């Protein structure tokens, strides 16, 4: 994850919290060459932006930003299994105790009704599809009376299997009046257009959304496109959508800045990064990964004074530092051979309880 290699152990600190100067000297001069730079451990495609768990992921995650968040299925599988096992155990224990009071009966009835409604919904939805080798909508059985909820569910299913069929059904929704104030449908189709890199089509659709929603337009629409740009490495386009966002007075959120700063870090685009970073502070938004990206860009370009200015802003803005923030600060000082400053960062890191994690990360 990082080009730094530290030969420092927790034992380097004695009980008085004083740091061994020779260890930092070794850290800065023996293991950190001027060419090595800490790469931000924040990745937009982890669809985790520091500050909340999104920070990007499908962007439905980002957008709906809150609508979806990217989670690692493999890491959660055991938790799910354990949770199910605990639920089964709790159920058996409740049965043994004979706890079938009125409240439990009411809950049970509500659960059965909810399950029944869900099953009926699924059956109704299945009847709207044909599956001749590939899933598609049976247009002969749907009409303008189809509910908005059914339309959006169909759109979601089609998006998983075919861009062309998704766009076709979207046009059917348009002709049947199903797109008015339907942000979810627009977001989904904008995501499809982003992956297809149909930027002209996406821009026309954004203008349509703006005309439809007006002052109610929020960050979701633009985050969808910015996310696609981040995944595809389209730096200029990412900046374009961000500026359009500002032009229409749409306030960005943490995800917006986390994605953009990660994108600019990949391309070492200092001008766009500076503009975006200043906008973030103007909005009063604290995105930890944005500070790390700005420090990393400046360090990579040997703009050490500017990197140290951002380190100062971390304190001034009262940002709650995470592991990546500690790493990029240490790297910025080590690249300059500033042993004393690196020592102070490590001591602070220890006081905040990050040292063990930091050492395990870099070995």
Protein backbone atom coordinates (compact mmCIF):
# COMPACT_ATOMS: atom_id res chain seq x y z
CA UNK A 1 0.00 0.00 0.00
CA UNK A 2 2.90 2.31 0.64
CA UNK A 3 6.47 2.68 -0.41
CA UNK A 4 7.59 3.50 3.12
CA UNK A 5 9.23 0.81 5.19
CA UNK A 6 9.65 1.55 8.86
CA UNK A 7 12.02 -0.36 11.08
CA UNK A 8 10.41 1.08 14.18
CA UNK A 9 8.75 -0.96 16.87
CA UNK A 10 6.60 0.12 19.81
CA UNK A 11 9.61 -0.56 22.04
CA UNK A 12 11.22 2.49 20.47
CA UNK A 13 9.12 4.48 22.91
CA UNK A 14 10.05 4.33 26.58
CA UNK A 15 7.66 4.87 29.45
CA UNK A 16 8.19 8.61 29.39
CA UNK A 17 6.92 8.77 25.79
CA UNK A 18 10.29 10.01 24.57
CA UNK A 19 11.16 8.84 21.13
CA UNK A 20 14.53 7.38 20.22
CA UNK A 21 16.11 9.95 17.90
CA UNK A 22 18.30 7.38 16.15
CA UNK A 23 15.22 5.37 15.22
CA UNK A 24 13.66 8.34 13.46
CA UNK A 25 16.99 9.08 11.82
CA UNK A 26 16.99 5.53 10.51
CA UNK A 27 13.38 5.89 9.47
CA UNK A 28 13.96 9.05 7.46
CA UNK A 29 17.37 8.34 5.93
CA UNK A 30 17.68 4.58 5.67
CA UNK A 31 14.22 3.55 4.60
CA UNK A 32 12.75 6.58 2.87
CA UNK A 33 14.30 7.70 -0.36
CA UNK A 34 13.32 11.04 -1.90
CA UNK A 35 11.65 9.17 -4.72
CA UNK A 36 9.34 7.23 -2.46
CA UNK A 37 5.94 8.67 -1.73
CA UNK A 38 3.13 7.35 0.40
CA UNK A 39 0.24 6.56 -1.80
CA UNK A 40 -3.07 7.40 -0.20
CA UNK A 41 -4.61 4.35 1.39
CA UNK A 42 -7.99 5.80 0.57
CA UNK A 43 -9.34 4.47 -2.66
CA UNK A 44 -12.50 5.89 -4.11
CA UNK A 45 -13.38 2.50 -5.55
CA UNK A 46 -13.41 1.01 -2.08
CA UNK A 47 -16.46 3.17 -1.89
CA UNK A 48 -15.45 4.24 1.35
CA UNK A 49 -14.84 7.92 1.77
CA UNK A 50 -13.50 8.87 5.14
CA UNK A 51 -16.14 10.51 7.19
CA UNK A 52 -18.84 7.93 6.58
CA UNK A 53 -19.07 4.61 4.91
CA UNK A 54 -19.81 5.16 1.41
CA UNK A 55 -17.03 7.29 0.96
CA UNK A 56 -17.95 5.31 -3.18
CA UNK A 57 -19.53 2.57 -3.43
CA UNK A 58 -21.71 0.95 -6.99
CA UNK A 59 -22.34 4.60 -6.90
CA UNK A 60 -25.77 4.06 -6.16
CA UNK A 61 -23.81 3.80 -3.07
CA UNK A 62 -22.32 7.10 -3.41
CA UNK A 63 -25.06 8.82 -4.76
CA UNK A 64 -27.89 7.69 -3.07
CA UNK A 65 -25.14 8.40 -0.89
CA UNK A 66 -26.31 7.26 1.54
CA UNK A 67 -28.69 5.14 -0.38
CA UNK A 68 -26.12 2.42 -0.84
CA UNK A 69 -22.67 1.81 0.53
CA UNK A 70 -20.06 -0.41 -0.86
CA UNK A 71 -19.44 -3.35 1.40
CA UNK A 72 -17.13 -6.31 1.07
CA UNK A 73 -19.30 -9.40 0.82
CA UNK A 74 -16.51 -11.74 1.68
CA UNK A 75 -15.62 -9.89 4.86
CA UNK A 76 -19.20 -9.87 6.04
CA UNK A 77 -20.16 -13.43 5.19
CA UNK A 78 -19.08 -14.88 8.51
CA UNK A 79 -20.86 -12.12 10.37
CA UNK A 80 -24.06 -12.87 8.50
CA UNK A 81 -23.76 -16.58 9.24
CA UNK A 82 -23.10 -15.87 12.91
CA UNK A 83 -26.03 -13.47 13.03
CA UNK A 84 -28.36 -16.07 11.54
CA UNK A 85 -27.12 -18.69 13.95
CA UNK A 86 -27.73 -16.35 16.88
CA UNK A 87 -31.21 -15.58 15.61
CA UNK A 88 -32.03 -19.27 15.36
CA UNK A 89 -30.66 -19.85 18.85
CA UNK A 90 -32.69 -16.99 20.25
CA UNK A 91 -35.79 -18.36 18.60
CA UNK A 92 -35.27 -21.83 20.04
CA UNK A 93 -34.64 -20.41 23.50
CA UNK A 94 -37.78 -18.30 23.28
CA UNK A 95 -39.76 -21.37 22.27
CA UNK A 96 -38.45 -23.39 25.19
CA UNK A 97 -39.44 -20.63 27.60
CA UNK A 98 -42.89 -20.62 26.06
CA UNK A 99 -42.82 -16.89 25.45
CA UNK A 100 -45.87 -16.66 23.22
CA UNK A 101 -47.41 -13.59 24.80
CA UNK A 102 -49.72 -11.12 23.04
CA UNK A 103 -46.84 -8.87 21.95
CA UNK A 104 -45.02 -11.75 20.27
CA UNK A 105 -48.18 -12.82 18.50
CA UNK A 106 -48.73 -9.30 17.14
CA UNK A 107 -45.13 -9.12 15.90
CA UNK A 108 -45.49 -12.52 14.31
CA UNK A 109 -48.67 -11.52 12.49
CA UNK A 110 -47.05 -8.32 11.24
CA UNK A 111 -44.05 -10.30 9.98
CA UNK A 112 -46.27 -12.75 8.13
CA UNK A 113 -48.25 -9.92 6.51
CA UNK A 114 -45.04 -8.17 5.45
CA UNK A 115 -43.65 -11.40 4.01
CA UNK A 116 -46.90 -12.01 2.17
CA UNK A 117 -46.87 -8.53 0.65
CA UNK A 118 -43.25 -8.99 -0.44
CA UNK A 119 -44.00 -12.34 -2.06
CA UNK A 120 -46.98 -10.87 -3.89
CA UNK A 121 -44.83 -7.95 -5.10
CA UNK A 122 -42.16 -10.35 -6.42
CA UNK A 123 -44.76 -12.45 -8.22
CA UNK A 124 -46.30 -9.37 -9.80
CA UNK A 125 -42.88 -8.21 -10.93
CA UNK A 126 -41.94 -11.59 -12.39
CA UNK A 127 -45.08 -11.56 -14.53
CA UNK A 128 -43.81 -8.43 -16.29
CA UNK A 129 -40.72 -10.16 -17.67
CA UNK A 130 -39.99 -12.63 -20.42
CA UNK A 131 -36.88 -14.75 -20.34
CA UNK A 132 -36.00 -16.10 -23.76
CA UNK A 133 -32.37 -16.67 -23.01
CA UNK A 134 -32.07 -13.10 -21.70
CA UNK A 135 -34.20 -11.15 -19.27
CA UNK A 136 -36.40 -8.53 -20.91
CA UNK A 137 -39.65 -6.70 -20.28
CA UNK A 138 -42.84 -8.12 -21.72
CA UNK A 139 -44.11 -4.90 -23.22
CA UNK A 140 -47.39 -6.58 -24.22
CA UNK A 141 -48.53 -6.81 -20.58
CA UNK A 142 -47.51 -3.40 -19.26
CA UNK A 143 -49.31 -0.10 -19.64
CA UNK A 144 -49.31 3.45 -18.43
CA UNK A 145 -51.05 2.32 -15.23
CA UNK A 146 -47.88 0.52 -14.09
CA UNK A 147 -46.82 1.95 -10.73
CA UNK A 148 -43.68 4.05 -10.33
CA UNK A 149 -42.29 1.53 -7.85
CA UNK A 150 -42.68 -1.30 -10.34
CA UNK A 151 -41.07 0.81 -13.07
CA UNK A 152 -38.01 1.56 -10.93
CA UNK A 153 -37.65 -2.07 -9.87
CA UNK A 154 -37.78 -3.20 -13.49
CA UNK A 155 -35.15 -0.61 -14.40
CA UNK A 156 -32.85 -1.89 -11.65
CA UNK A 157 -33.18 -5.48 -12.84
CA UNK A 158 -32.50 -4.60 -16.44
CA UNK A 159 -29.42 -2.58 -15.52
CA UNK A 160 -27.82 -5.75 -14.14
CA UNK A 161 -28.07 -7.58 -17.45
CA UNK A 162 -28.23 -5.13 -20.38
CA UNK A 163 -27.47 -1.45 -20.96
CA UNK A 164 -29.47 -1.43 -24.19
CA UNK A 165 -32.60 -2.89 -22.55
CA UNK A 166 -32.23 -0.49 -19.65
CA UNK A 167 -32.17 2.52 -21.95
CA UNK A 168 -35.09 1.16 -23.96
CA UNK A 169 -37.26 0.77 -20.87
CA UNK A 170 -36.18 4.20 -19.67
CA UNK A 171 -37.55 5.67 -22.90
CA UNK A 172 -40.78 3.72 -22.34
CA UNK A 173 -40.99 5.31 -18.88
CA UNK A 174 -40.45 8.73 -20.45
CA UNK A 175 -43.23 8.26 -23.00
CA UNK A 176 -45.60 7.04 -20.26
CA UNK A 177 -44.96 9.89 -17.85
CA UNK A 178 -42.92 7.90 -15.32
CA UNK A 179 -39.89 10.20 -15.10
CA UNK A 180 -41.36 13.29 -13.51
CA UNK A 181 -39.36 14.00 -10.32
CA UNK A 182 -38.07 10.44 -10.47
CA UNK A 183 -34.47 11.00 -9.34
CA UNK A 184 -33.81 7.28 -8.81
CA UNK A 185 -34.50 6.48 -12.46
CA UNK A 186 -32.31 9.33 -13.70
CA UNK A 187 -29.45 8.29 -11.41
CA UNK A 188 -29.57 4.71 -12.62
CA UNK A 189 -29.53 5.65 -16.30
CA UNK A 190 -26.79 8.22 -15.75
CA UNK A 191 -24.71 5.43 -14.25
CA UNK A 192 -25.29 3.34 -17.36
CA UNK A 193 -24.28 6.25 -19.58
CA UNK A 194 -21.17 6.80 -17.48
CA UNK A 195 -19.99 3.23 -17.93
CA UNK A 196 -20.75 3.49 -21.65
CA UNK A 197 -18.85 6.82 -21.68
CA UNK A 198 -21.78 8.47 -23.41
CA UNK A 199 -20.90 11.87 -21.97
CA UNK A 200 -22.97 13.88 -24.46
CA UNK A 201 -26.04 11.82 -23.65
CA UNK A 202 -25.32 12.19 -19.95
CA UNK A 203 -25.07 15.98 -20.25
CA UNK A 204 -28.41 16.18 -22.05
CA UNK A 205 -29.99 14.03 -19.37
CA UNK A 206 -28.54 16.21 -16.61
CA UNK A 207 -30.05 19.27 -18.26
CA UNK A 208 -33.37 17.45 -18.34
CA UNK A 209 -33.08 16.66 -14.64
CA UNK A 210 -32.23 20.29 -13.88
CA UNK A 211 -35.29 21.46 -15.80
CA UNK A 212 -37.46 18.91 -14.02
CA UNK A 213 -36.21 19.29 -10.46
CA UNK A 214 -34.92 22.86 -10.45
CA UNK A 215 -34.04 23.99 -6.94
CA UNK A 216 -34.64 20.48 -5.55
CA UNK A 217 -31.67 19.08 -7.45
CA UNK A 218 -29.04 17.61 -5.09
CA UNK A 219 -25.61 16.00 -5.20
CA UNK A 220 -26.86 12.53 -6.17
CA UNK A 221 -27.10 13.17 -9.90
CA UNK A 222 -23.61 14.65 -10.15
CA UNK A 223 -22.00 12.13 -7.81
CA UNK A 224 -23.15 9.36 -10.13
CA UNK A 225 -21.17 10.85 -13.01
CA UNK A 226 -18.18 11.86 -10.89
CA UNK A 227 -17.97 8.30 -9.62
CA UNK A 228 -17.88 6.95 -13.19
CA UNK A 229 -15.10 9.43 -14.02
CA UNK A 230 -13.12 8.25 -11.00
CA UNK A 231 -13.41 4.62 -12.00
CA UNK A 232 -12.38 5.43 -15.56
CA UNK A 233 -9.66 7.93 -14.64
CA UNK A 234 -11.34 10.82 -16.49
CA UNK A 235 -9.82 13.79 -14.66
CA UNK A 236 -11.07 16.60 -16.92
CA UNK A 237 -14.60 15.25 -17.06
CA UNK A 238 -14.69 14.85 -13.30
CA UNK A 239 -13.80 18.53 -12.97
CA UNK A 240 -16.44 19.45 -15.55
CA UNK A 241 -19.27 17.78 -13.63
CA UNK A 242 -18.06 19.39 -10.41
CA UNK A 243 -18.12 22.87 -11.93
CA UNK A 244 -21.58 22.26 -13.40
CA UNK A 245 -22.64 21.24 -9.92
CA UNK A 246 -21.41 24.53 -8.51
CA UNK A 247 -22.94 26.55 -11.37
CA UNK A 248 -26.38 25.19 -10.48
CA UNK A 249 -25.78 25.87 -6.79
CA UNK A 250 -25.88 22.21 -5.84
CA UNK A 251 -23.99 21.61 -2.61
CA UNK A 252 -21.47 18.74 -2.78
CA UNK A 253 -21.10 16.26 0.08
CA UNK A 254 -18.16 14.39 1.59
CA UNK A 255 -18.34 11.73 -1.11
CA UNK A 256 -18.03 14.34 -3.85
CA UNK A 257 -14.78 15.70 -2.45
CA UNK A 258 -13.37 12.29 -1.54
CA UNK A 259 -13.88 11.03 -5.09
CA UNK A 260 -12.54 14.12 -6.81
CA UNK A 261 -9.44 14.45 -4.65
CA UNK A 262 -8.67 10.75 -5.16
CA UNK A 263 -9.05 11.26 -8.91
CA UNK A 264 -6.72 14.28 -8.93
CA UNK A 265 -4.16 12.43 -6.83
CA UNK A 266 -4.00 9.64 -9.40
CA UNK A 267 -3.30 12.18 -12.13
CA UNK A 268 -1.16 14.50 -9.94
CA UNK A 269 -3.38 17.36 -11.09
CA UNK A 270 -2.42 20.07 -8.62
CA UNK A 271 -4.51 22.92 -10.08
CA UNK A 272 -7.82 21.04 -9.98
CA UNK A 273 -6.96 19.58 -6.59
CA UNK A 274 -6.30 23.04 -5.13
CA UNK A 275 -9.55 24.41 -6.50
CA UNK A 276 -11.58 21.48 -5.19
CA UNK A 277 -9.85 21.53 -1.82
CA UNK A 278 -10.59 25.25 -1.37
CA UNK A 279 -14.24 24.65 -2.28
CA UNK A 280 -14.44 21.89 0.31
CA UNK A 281 -13.25 24.26 3.03
CA UNK A 282 -15.60 27.00 1.83
CA UNK A 283 -18.51 24.61 2.28
CA UNK A 284 -17.26 23.72 5.73
CA UNK A 285 -16.94 20.03 4.85
CA UNK A 286 -14.26 17.89 6.49
CA UNK A 287 -13.16 14.98 4.31
CA UNK A 288 -10.12 13.27 5.82
CA UNK A 289 -9.06 11.65 2.55
CA UNK A 290 -9.08 15.04 0.79
CA UNK A 291 -6.41 16.39 3.17
CA UNK A 292 -4.31 13.25 2.63
CA UNK A 293 -4.60 13.57 -1.14
CA UNK A 294 -3.57 17.24 -1.10
CA UNK A 295 -0.53 16.52 1.08
CA UNK A 296 0.45 13.57 -1.11
CA UNK A 297 0.20 15.61 -4.33
CA UNK A 298 2.35 18.42 -2.93
CA UNK A 299 4.91 15.95 -1.54
CA UNK A 300 5.15 14.13 -4.85
CA UNK A 301 5.76 17.42 -6.67
CA UNK A 302 8.36 18.52 -4.08
CA UNK A 303 6.13 21.39 -2.97
CA UNK A 304 7.01 20.76 0.66
CA UNK A 305 6.04 24.16 2.04
CA UNK A 306 2.54 23.76 0.65
CA UNK A 307 2.35 20.22 2.01
CA UNK A 308 3.19 21.57 5.46
CA UNK A 309 0.51 24.23 5.07
CA UNK A 310 -2.08 21.49 4.62
CA UNK A 311 -0.68 19.70 7.67
CA UNK A 312 -1.28 22.93 9.55
CA UNK A 313 -4.86 23.04 8.24
CA UNK A 314 -5.48 19.56 9.63
CA UNK A 315 -4.96 21.06 13.07
CA UNK A 316 -6.67 24.37 12.33
CA UNK A 317 -9.79 22.67 10.94
CA UNK A 318 -9.78 20.19 13.83
CA UNK A 319 -9.86 17.17 11.56
CA UNK A 320 -10.02 13.88 13.41
CA UNK A 321 -6.93 12.18 12.02
CA UNK A 322 -7.05 8.67 10.59
CA UNK A 323 -4.24 6.28 9.71
CA UNK A 324 -3.78 7.70 6.22
CA UNK A 325 -3.40 11.23 7.60
CA UNK A 326 -0.61 10.07 9.93
CA UNK A 327 1.17 8.25 7.10
CA UNK A 328 1.19 11.16 4.66
CA UNK A 329 2.38 13.60 7.34
CA UNK A 330 5.29 11.33 8.27
CA UNK A 331 6.15 10.90 4.62
CA UNK A 332 6.06 14.66 3.93
CA UNK A 333 8.59 15.30 6.72
CA UNK A 334 10.77 12.32 5.90
CA UNK A 335 11.06 13.34 2.28
CA UNK A 336 12.69 16.55 3.48
CA UNK A 337 14.81 14.86 6.11
CA UNK A 338 12.99 16.70 8.91
CA UNK A 339 13.69 14.16 11.62
CA UNK A 340 12.47 16.28 14.53
CA UNK A 341 9.09 16.91 12.90
CA UNK A 342 8.70 13.26 11.98
CA UNK A 343 9.52 12.35 15.59
CA UNK A 344 6.79 14.67 16.89
CA UNK A 345 4.23 13.14 14.52
CA UNK A 346 5.12 9.63 15.69
CA UNK A 347 4.84 10.65 19.34
CA UNK A 348 1.42 12.20 18.66
CA UNK A 349 0.45 9.09 16.73
CA UNK A 350 1.31 6.97 19.76
CA UNK A 351 -0.69 9.19 22.11
CA UNK A 352 -3.73 8.84 19.84
CA UNK A 353 -3.41 5.06 19.84
CA UNK A 354 -2.50 4.71 16.16
CA UNK A 355 1.11 3.60 16.43
CA UNK A 356 0.52 -0.15 16.62
CA UNK A 357 -1.82 -0.03 13.62
CA UNK A 358 0.61 2.16 11.69
CA UNK A 359 3.53 -0.21 12.30
CA UNK A 360 1.49 -3.25 11.31
CA UNK A 361 0.38 -1.44 8.14
CA UNK A 362 3.84 -0.56 6.92
CA UNK A 363 5.59 -3.86 7.61
